[in-house]
Amino acid sequence: MITDSSVEVAVPAAAVWAVYADVERWPEWTASITRIEALDGPELAIGKRFAIKQPRLPRLVWEISELEPGASWTWRQGSPGGLTLAVHEVVPLGPERTLVRQRIDQRGPVGTLVGVLMRGLTRKYLAMEAAGLKARCEHRVAPPA
């Protein structure tokens, strides 16, 4: 089961990546994340693990399985009968425009069932993250009035 979301941000891709990839600071700009704790150091790298706590969900440990610095990363969380992949992409649309795509891919018999049951909450959290990232990036980069 795949649930995805995207948002266009009116700043350069490098500026979006700098905010997005600083995952421990996500609770500052989205209410969908209560806490992110880097278990192996804060930088994104394959094999690094992050404990994530979200409202209404248990604390889960995610591990980075794919990384293209400046462009995308995927982290994964597995449990008996299920695997969830969370893909994060930063796509330049021009010098001052960036598309951010997020995709949650829930696999396996349990993962698919959880995906169906939690689809509304997943969509809500992805929308909150997209809106929060957009606001954080555009506010941070915008010139003073």
Foldseek 3Di string as FASTA:
>chain_A
DKDKDKDKAQAALQLLLVVVQQVQCLVVQFLQWPGKDWPPDRGDDAQTWIFTDGPPDDTFIWGWHDDDPSFKTWIWGDDVFKIKIWIWGWAGPDRGMIMIMIMIDMDGPVRVVVCVVCVVVVNVRNVRSNVRSNVVSCVVPPDDD
